[in-house]
N, C-alpha and C. Protein backbone atom coordinates (compact mmCIF):
# COMPACT_ATOMS: atom_id res chain seq x y z
N MET A 1 79.99 -175.54 166.61
CA MET A 1 79.31 -176.80 166.98
C MET A 1 80.20 -177.48 168.00
N LYS A 2 79.63 -178.15 168.98
CA LYS A 2 80.36 -178.87 169.99
C LYS A 2 80.14 -180.37 169.93
N CYS A 3 81.16 -181.10 170.31
CA CYS A 3 81.09 -182.58 170.37
C CYS A 3 80.17 -182.93 171.55
N GLU A 4 79.29 -183.92 171.35
CA GLU A 4 78.38 -184.29 172.35
C GLU A 4 78.98 -185.28 173.35
N ILE A 5 80.17 -185.75 173.08
CA ILE A 5 80.83 -186.68 174.04
C ILE A 5 81.76 -185.91 174.96
N CYS A 6 82.71 -185.12 174.38
CA CYS A 6 83.70 -184.46 175.20
C CYS A 6 83.38 -182.97 175.45
N GLY A 7 82.51 -182.41 174.66
CA GLY A 7 82.09 -180.99 174.86
C GLY A 7 82.98 -179.94 174.23
N THR A 8 84.04 -180.32 173.54
CA THR A 8 84.94 -179.37 172.93
C THR A 8 84.38 -178.84 171.59
N LYS A 9 84.86 -177.68 171.22
CA LYS A 9 84.41 -177.09 169.94
C LYS A 9 85.03 -177.91 168.80
N MET A 10 84.21 -178.28 167.80
CA MET A 10 84.68 -179.09 166.70
C MET A 10 85.37 -178.22 165.69
N ALA A 11 86.44 -178.76 165.09
CA ALA A 11 87.25 -178.03 164.07
C ALA A 11 86.43 -177.98 162.78
N GLU A 12 86.67 -176.91 162.01
CA GLU A 12 85.98 -176.70 160.69
C GLU A 12 87.02 -176.45 159.62
N THR A 13 86.67 -176.77 158.39
CA THR A 13 87.50 -176.47 157.25
C THR A 13 87.24 -174.99 156.85
N PHE A 14 87.98 -174.52 155.88
CA PHE A 14 87.78 -173.13 155.42
C PHE A 14 86.40 -172.95 154.78
N LEU A 15 85.76 -173.96 154.35
CA LEU A 15 84.40 -173.88 153.79
C LEU A 15 83.34 -174.12 154.84
N GLU A 16 83.74 -174.08 156.12
CA GLU A 16 82.92 -174.25 157.29
C GLU A 16 82.17 -175.63 157.36
N LYS A 17 82.92 -176.65 156.85
CA LYS A 17 82.46 -178.04 157.03
C LYS A 17 83.05 -178.56 158.33
N VAL A 18 82.28 -179.29 159.08
CA VAL A 18 82.71 -179.82 160.36
C VAL A 18 83.61 -180.98 160.14
N ILE A 19 84.71 -181.09 160.87
CA ILE A 19 85.60 -182.19 160.86
C ILE A 19 85.20 -183.15 161.94
N GLY A 20 84.53 -184.23 161.59
CA GLY A 20 84.02 -185.17 162.52
C GLY A 20 82.92 -186.00 161.82
N THR A 21 81.95 -186.45 162.64
CA THR A 21 80.95 -187.32 162.05
C THR A 21 79.61 -187.11 162.73
N VAL A 22 78.57 -187.58 162.15
CA VAL A 22 77.23 -187.53 162.74
C VAL A 22 76.78 -188.98 162.92
N VAL A 23 76.29 -189.26 164.15
CA VAL A 23 75.84 -190.61 164.49
C VAL A 23 74.33 -190.52 164.80
N LYS A 24 73.52 -191.37 164.19
CA LYS A 24 72.13 -191.45 164.50
C LYS A 24 71.80 -192.55 165.50
N ASP A 25 70.96 -192.18 166.46
CA ASP A 25 70.57 -193.22 167.44
C ASP A 25 69.34 -193.99 166.90
N ALA A 26 68.79 -194.86 167.75
CA ALA A 26 67.64 -195.71 167.32
C ALA A 26 66.41 -194.88 166.97
N LYS A 27 66.23 -193.70 167.60
CA LYS A 27 65.08 -192.86 167.36
C LYS A 27 65.31 -191.96 166.12
N GLY A 28 66.51 -191.89 165.59
CA GLY A 28 66.77 -191.07 164.41
C GLY A 28 67.37 -189.71 164.74
N LYS A 29 67.61 -189.45 166.02
CA LYS A 29 68.22 -188.18 166.45
C LYS A 29 69.70 -188.16 166.05
N LYS A 30 70.15 -187.02 165.55
CA LYS A 30 71.53 -186.88 165.12
C LYS A 30 72.38 -186.40 166.31
N HIS A 31 73.54 -186.99 166.44
CA HIS A 31 74.52 -186.59 167.47
C HIS A 31 75.87 -186.31 166.76
N TRP A 32 76.46 -185.16 167.10
CA TRP A 32 77.73 -184.72 166.45
C TRP A 32 78.89 -185.21 167.30
N VAL A 33 79.89 -185.83 166.68
CA VAL A 33 81.06 -186.35 167.39
C VAL A 33 82.30 -185.84 166.68
N CYS A 34 83.31 -185.35 167.49
CA CYS A 34 84.52 -184.82 166.90
C CYS A 34 85.44 -185.95 166.42
N ALA A 35 86.44 -185.60 165.63
CA ALA A 35 87.33 -186.58 165.06
C ALA A 35 88.18 -187.29 166.13
N LYS A 36 88.50 -186.60 167.23
CA LYS A 36 89.31 -187.20 168.30
C LYS A 36 88.49 -188.31 169.02
N CYS A 37 87.27 -188.01 169.34
CA CYS A 37 86.37 -189.05 169.94
C CYS A 37 86.10 -190.18 169.00
N GLN A 38 85.92 -189.85 167.74
CA GLN A 38 85.67 -190.86 166.74
C GLN A 38 86.82 -191.83 166.58
N SER A 39 88.05 -191.27 166.65
CA SER A 39 89.23 -192.16 166.51
C SER A 39 89.41 -193.09 167.75
N GLY A 40 88.97 -192.56 168.89
CA GLY A 40 89.10 -193.37 170.13
C GLY A 40 88.09 -194.48 170.23
N LEU A 41 86.86 -194.18 169.74
CA LEU A 41 85.76 -195.14 169.82
C LEU A 41 85.47 -195.59 168.33
N LYS A 42 85.88 -196.81 168.03
CA LYS A 42 85.87 -197.21 166.67
C LYS A 42 84.51 -197.56 166.00
N ASN A 43 83.53 -198.07 166.74
CA ASN A 43 82.31 -198.42 166.09
C ASN A 43 81.10 -197.59 166.62
N LYS A 44 80.00 -197.70 165.96
CA LYS A 44 78.85 -196.92 166.26
C LYS A 44 78.28 -197.22 167.62
N ASP A 45 78.33 -198.49 168.00
CA ASP A 45 77.76 -198.91 169.29
C ASP A 45 78.55 -198.25 170.44
N ALA A 46 79.84 -198.20 170.31
CA ALA A 46 80.67 -197.60 171.36
C ALA A 46 80.42 -196.12 171.48
N LEU A 47 80.26 -195.44 170.34
CA LEU A 47 79.93 -194.03 170.36
C LEU A 47 78.59 -193.75 171.01
N LEU A 48 77.60 -194.52 170.67
CA LEU A 48 76.29 -194.29 171.28
C LEU A 48 76.26 -194.69 172.75
N ALA A 49 77.10 -195.60 173.21
CA ALA A 49 77.17 -195.97 174.62
C ALA A 49 77.73 -194.79 175.42
N LYS A 50 78.65 -194.02 174.88
CA LYS A 50 79.26 -192.85 175.55
C LYS A 50 78.28 -191.68 175.67
N LEU A 51 77.28 -191.62 174.78
CA LEU A 51 76.33 -190.51 174.81
C LEU A 51 75.41 -190.72 175.98
């Protein structure tokens, strides 16, 4: 799975869980964001503005 902000491959745990988060926009569409982008952009509005 790739981050929708930076385009890099997202890291996974040994149980194949993605390390990062999912952000939903106003329409309910899910966007995957990696942990690096999540730490740089602290709130949901900043994440959605980058998409």
